Amino acid sequence: VPIYPHLNVFIDGDTIVAFTENVEQRFVSHDWQVLRFDVNAHDLNAITGVIVAARTEKNKPTITCLQTMIGYGSKQQVIHGIHGS
């Protein structure tokens, strides 16, 4: 089951500056099941639950979208400067 991480941050700052694509809608338009979960993407038990839920669809491909946190657990978490630090 593919998992798309919503980071909302890239090396120069917030993705809103340069990335406006609606990834979820792109997959919907290709007839995928798109599941968005509001869970901690760094929690392995939560990820397991997401995968189990995604596997229930048997007739088309599924992608799950999770909010992730860049630099999770570090002093620079959620700061775009973590790239290359």
Protein backbone atom coordinates (compact mmCIF):
# COMPACT_ATOMS: atom_id res chain seq x y z
CA VAL A 1 0.00 0.00 0.00
CA PRO A 2 1.65 3.26 -1.05
CA ILE A 3 1.78 5.97 1.59
CA TYR A 4 2.08 9.58 0.45
CA PRO A 5 3.67 11.78 3.11
CA HIS A 6 2.30 15.31 3.37
CA LEU A 7 5.35 17.19 4.60
CA ASN A 8 4.28 20.72 3.62
CA VAL A 9 7.95 21.71 3.83
CA PHE A 10 10.79 21.58 1.34
CA ILE A 11 14.36 22.83 1.40
CA ASP A 12 13.46 26.53 0.89
CA GLY A 13 10.39 26.71 3.11
CA ASP A 14 6.69 25.92 2.93
CA THR A 15 5.55 23.93 -0.12
CA ILE A 16 2.78 26.44 -0.82
CA VAL A 17 5.48 28.58 -2.45
CA ALA A 18 6.20 26.11 -5.25
CA PHE A 19 3.97 23.03 -5.03
CA THR A 20 0.25 23.49 -5.54
CA GLU A 21 -0.73 20.10 -6.93
CA ASN A 22 -3.59 18.31 -5.22
CA VAL A 23 -1.99 14.86 -4.99
CA GLU A 24 -5.11 13.24 -3.59
CA GLN A 25 -7.25 14.52 -6.47
CA ARG A 26 -4.69 13.29 -9.01
CA PHE A 27 -5.09 9.73 -7.74
CA VAL A 28 -8.89 10.03 -7.53
CA SER A 29 -8.93 11.07 -11.19
CA HIS A 30 -7.12 7.81 -12.03
CA ASP A 31 -9.81 5.85 -10.15
CA TRP A 32 -7.71 5.04 -7.11
CA GLN A 33 -9.16 4.78 -3.64
CA VAL A 34 -7.57 7.64 -1.68
CA LEU A 35 -7.58 7.42 2.09
CA ARG A 36 -6.53 10.34 4.25
CA PHE A 37 -5.80 9.59 7.85
CA ASP A 38 -5.33 12.08 10.63
CA VAL A 39 -2.84 10.00 12.59
CA ASN A 40 0.72 10.46 13.75
CA ALA A 41 2.65 9.19 10.72
CA HIS A 42 5.57 8.40 13.01
CA ASP A 43 3.52 5.98 15.12
CA LEU A 44 4.05 2.44 13.80
CA ASN A 45 0.84 1.15 15.39
CA ALA A 46 -1.14 3.90 13.67
CA ILE A 47 0.56 3.09 10.34
CA THR A 48 -0.36 -0.58 10.77
CA GLY A 49 -4.00 0.42 11.23
CA VAL A 50 -3.86 2.56 8.10
CA ILE A 51 -2.47 -0.31 6.03
CA VAL A 52 -5.09 -2.74 7.35
CA ALA A 53 -7.86 -0.27 6.42
CA ALA A 54 -6.37 0.32 2.97
CA ARG A 55 -6.22 -3.39 2.19
CA THR A 56 -10.00 -3.76 2.45
CA GLU A 57 -10.44 -2.35 -1.08
CA LYS A 58 -10.14 -5.22 -3.53
CA ASN A 59 -11.30 -3.63 -6.81
CA LYS A 60 -8.89 -0.75 -7.34
CA PRO A 61 -5.51 0.48 -6.14
CA THR A 62 -5.30 2.41 -2.90
CA ILE A 63 -3.00 5.16 -1.72
CA THR A 64 -2.99 6.54 1.78
CA CYS A 65 -2.09 10.13 2.61
CA LEU A 66 -0.59 10.95 5.98
CA GLN A 67 0.60 14.18 7.53
CA THR A 68 4.26 13.85 8.47
CA MET A 69 6.63 16.08 10.37
CA ILE A 70 10.02 16.89 8.92
CA GLY A 71 12.84 16.32 11.38
CA TYR A 72 10.53 14.49 13.78
CA GLY A 73 12.21 14.07 17.15
CA SER A 74 15.03 16.52 16.48
CA LYS A 75 15.57 20.03 17.79
CA GLN A 76 14.72 21.33 14.31
CA GLN A 77 11.48 19.42 13.76
CA VAL A 78 9.11 21.23 11.39
CA ILE A 79 11.88 23.67 10.35
CA HIS A 80 12.77 23.57 6.67
CA GLY A 81 16.43 24.16 7.56
CA ILE A 82 16.69 20.54 8.72
CA HIS A 83 17.42 19.67 5.08
CA GLY A 84 21.18 19.44 4.80
CA SER A 85 21.78 20.26 8.46
